[in-house]
């Protein structure tokens, strides 16, 4: 019984992952947070190549 339940949960998780990847293919990235100082500089350096490509 536990194997069957585990299998069903696994299948549902896999289906969820596959369907969520369709929605993740969007061209929009939203960042919720505020960085200042060295963190902001490091974040902006990391984001710059992505912004240049879009």
Protein backbone atom coordinates (compact mmCIF):
# COMPACT_ATOMS: atom_id res chain seq x y z
CA UNK A 1 0.00 0.00 0.00
CA UNK A 2 2.80 2.43 0.88
CA UNK A 3 4.54 1.69 -2.43
CA UNK A 4 1.37 2.51 -4.35
CA UNK A 5 0.88 5.79 -2.51
CA UNK A 6 4.54 6.69 -3.00
CA UNK A 7 4.28 5.92 -6.70
CA UNK A 8 1.16 8.05 -7.11
CA UNK A 9 2.81 10.95 -5.29
CA UNK A 10 5.90 10.60 -7.47
CA UNK A 11 3.84 10.62 -10.66
CA UNK A 12 1.89 13.68 -9.51
CA UNK A 13 5.11 15.51 -8.68
CA UNK A 14 6.58 14.68 -12.07
CA UNK A 15 3.45 15.88 -13.84
CA UNK A 16 3.56 19.08 -11.80
CA UNK A 17 7.20 19.66 -12.72
CA UNK A 18 6.53 19.09 -16.41
CA UNK A 19 3.53 21.41 -16.53
CA UNK A 20 5.23 24.14 -14.50
CA UNK A 21 8.14 24.21 -16.96
CA UNK A 22 5.70 25.39 -19.63
CA UNK A 23 4.87 28.44 -17.53
CA UNK A 24 8.52 29.02 -16.65
CA UNK A 25 9.34 29.55 -20.33
CA UNK A 26 8.17 33.16 -20.11
CA UNK A 27 10.55 36.02 -20.88
CA UNK A 28 9.83 37.89 -17.66
CA UNK A 29 11.74 37.60 -14.42
CA UNK A 30 10.46 39.36 -11.34
CA UNK A 31 12.79 39.91 -8.40
CA UNK A 32 11.19 40.77 -5.08
CA UNK A 33 13.80 42.16 -2.75
CA UNK A 34 15.97 45.13 -1.98
CA UNK A 35 19.75 45.01 -2.03
CA UNK A 36 22.13 47.76 -1.00
CA UNK A 37 25.87 48.24 -0.88
CA UNK A 38 28.14 45.39 -1.95
CA UNK A 39 25.18 43.01 -2.31
CA UNK A 40 23.51 45.36 -4.79
CA UNK A 41 26.71 45.75 -6.81
CA UNK A 42 27.23 41.97 -6.99
CA UNK A 43 23.59 41.41 -7.94
CA UNK A 44 23.68 44.07 -10.67
CA UNK A 45 26.86 42.53 -12.13
CA UNK A 46 25.17 39.14 -12.20
CA UNK A 47 21.99 40.51 -13.82
CA UNK A 48 23.72 42.72 -16.42
CA UNK A 49 24.32 39.94 -19.01
CA UNK A 50 20.67 38.87 -18.83
CA UNK A 51 19.46 42.43 -19.26
CA UNK A 52 21.79 42.92 -22.23
CA UNK A 53 20.33 39.85 -23.96
CA UNK A 54 16.73 41.01 -23.58
